[in-house]
Amino acid sequence: MSADELISKLSFVKEVKPRRDHKRSWIAQCPAHKDNSPSLYVDEGASGNVLIKCWSGCGATDVIRSVGEEWSILFPEDGYRQEAKKIV
């Protein structure tokens, strides 16, 4: 999946200056709660993974389920696997 696929399912989407080292970033109304102003950030990471953050406190699971999707929408189809970092 891609960020564009998730973005297409959201309302009042606006592309904004990419945050940090992300490829692209957007703000949108969060579909998981009654959102009067955009509080959901969607970022496309450097590896193609999709990062979501609702500033009103909705969890990623709530956001994904509210648009009828599964966790796979957050990861590119090129076999990307997140590996845990070992803390020394």
Protein backbone atom coordinates (compact mmCIF):
# COMPACT_ATOMS: atom_id res chain seq x y z
CA MET A 1 0.00 0.00 0.00
CA SER A 2 1.01 3.61 -0.14
CA ALA A 3 0.34 6.90 1.58
CA ASP A 4 -1.70 7.98 -1.44
CA GLU A 5 -4.14 5.11 -0.88
CA LEU A 6 -4.71 6.12 2.74
CA ILE A 7 -4.96 9.81 1.84
CA SER A 8 -7.66 9.03 -0.74
CA LYS A 9 -9.88 7.73 2.10
CA LEU A 10 -9.58 10.86 4.28
CA SER A 11 -11.42 14.20 4.28
CA PHE A 12 -10.10 17.76 4.11
CA VAL A 13 -6.59 16.63 3.16
CA LYS A 14 -3.85 19.19 2.61
CA GLU A 15 -0.27 18.40 1.66
CA VAL A 16 2.18 20.25 3.89
CA LYS A 17 5.94 20.69 4.08
CA PRO A 18 7.48 17.29 4.90
CA ARG A 19 8.34 16.89 8.56
CA ARG A 20 11.78 15.66 9.62
CA ASP A 21 13.32 13.41 6.96
CA HIS A 22 10.00 12.22 5.52
CA LYS A 23 9.31 12.17 1.79
CA ARG A 24 5.84 13.75 2.01
CA SER A 25 3.42 14.92 4.73
CA TRP A 26 -0.29 15.76 4.95
CA ILE A 27 -2.84 16.94 7.48
CA ALA A 28 -6.45 15.76 7.40
CA GLN A 29 -9.54 15.37 9.51
CA CYS A 30 -9.25 12.28 11.68
CA PRO A 31 -11.94 9.75 10.70
CA ALA A 32 -11.84 8.11 14.15
CA HIS A 33 -13.48 11.02 15.99
CA LYS A 34 -15.61 14.08 15.25
CA ASP A 35 -12.87 16.37 14.01
CA ASN A 36 -13.78 20.04 13.48
CA SER A 37 -10.29 20.95 12.30
CA PRO A 38 -7.60 18.68 10.85
CA SER A 39 -5.74 16.91 13.65
CA LEU A 40 -4.38 13.89 11.78
CA TYR A 41 -0.86 13.93 10.38
CA VAL A 42 0.08 11.39 7.72
CA ASP A 43 3.72 11.08 6.72
CA GLU A 44 5.42 8.95 4.10
CA GLY A 45 8.72 7.83 5.59
CA ALA A 46 12.01 7.53 3.75
CA SER A 47 11.51 3.76 3.34
CA GLY A 48 7.93 4.17 2.05
CA ASN A 49 6.18 3.24 5.28
CA VAL A 50 3.20 5.37 6.31
CA LEU A 51 3.22 7.09 9.71
CA ILE A 52 0.03 8.45 11.28
CA LYS A 53 -0.49 10.64 14.33
CA CYS A 54 -3.78 12.03 15.63
CA TRP A 55 -3.11 15.02 17.87
CA SER A 56 -6.46 14.49 19.59
CA GLY A 57 -5.32 11.11 20.91
CA CYS A 58 -6.85 8.52 18.57
CA GLY A 59 -4.73 5.41 18.19
CA ALA A 60 -3.43 4.18 14.85
CA THR A 61 -5.73 1.15 15.07
CA ASP A 62 -8.77 3.41 15.46
CA VAL A 63 -7.79 5.51 12.45
CA ILE A 64 -7.08 2.51 10.23
CA ARG A 65 -10.28 0.68 11.16
CA SER A 66 -12.42 3.80 10.66
CA VAL A 67 -11.45 3.87 6.97
CA GLY A 68 -12.00 0.11 6.61
CA GLU A 69 -8.36 -0.88 6.23
CA GLU A 70 -5.83 -3.21 7.84
CA TRP A 71 -2.30 -2.59 9.16
CA SER A 72 -0.86 -3.52 5.76
CA ILE A 73 -1.90 -0.09 4.43
CA LEU A 74 0.97 1.39 6.45
CA PHE A 75 3.70 -0.62 4.73
CA PRO A 76 4.86 -0.63 1.09
CA GLU A 77 4.38 -3.78 -0.97
CA ASP A 78 8.11 -4.09 -1.71
CA GLY A 79 8.73 -6.40 1.25
CA TYR A 80 9.62 -3.68 3.76
CA ARG A 81 10.03 -5.16 7.22
CA GLN A 82 10.54 -3.12 10.32
CA GLU A 83 13.32 -4.54 12.44
CA ALA A 84 13.56 -3.88 16.13
CA LYS A 85 16.61 -1.96 17.22
CA LYS A 86 18.69 -3.57 19.91
CA ILE A 87 19.33 -1.24 22.81
CA VAL A 88 22.77 -1.70 24.29
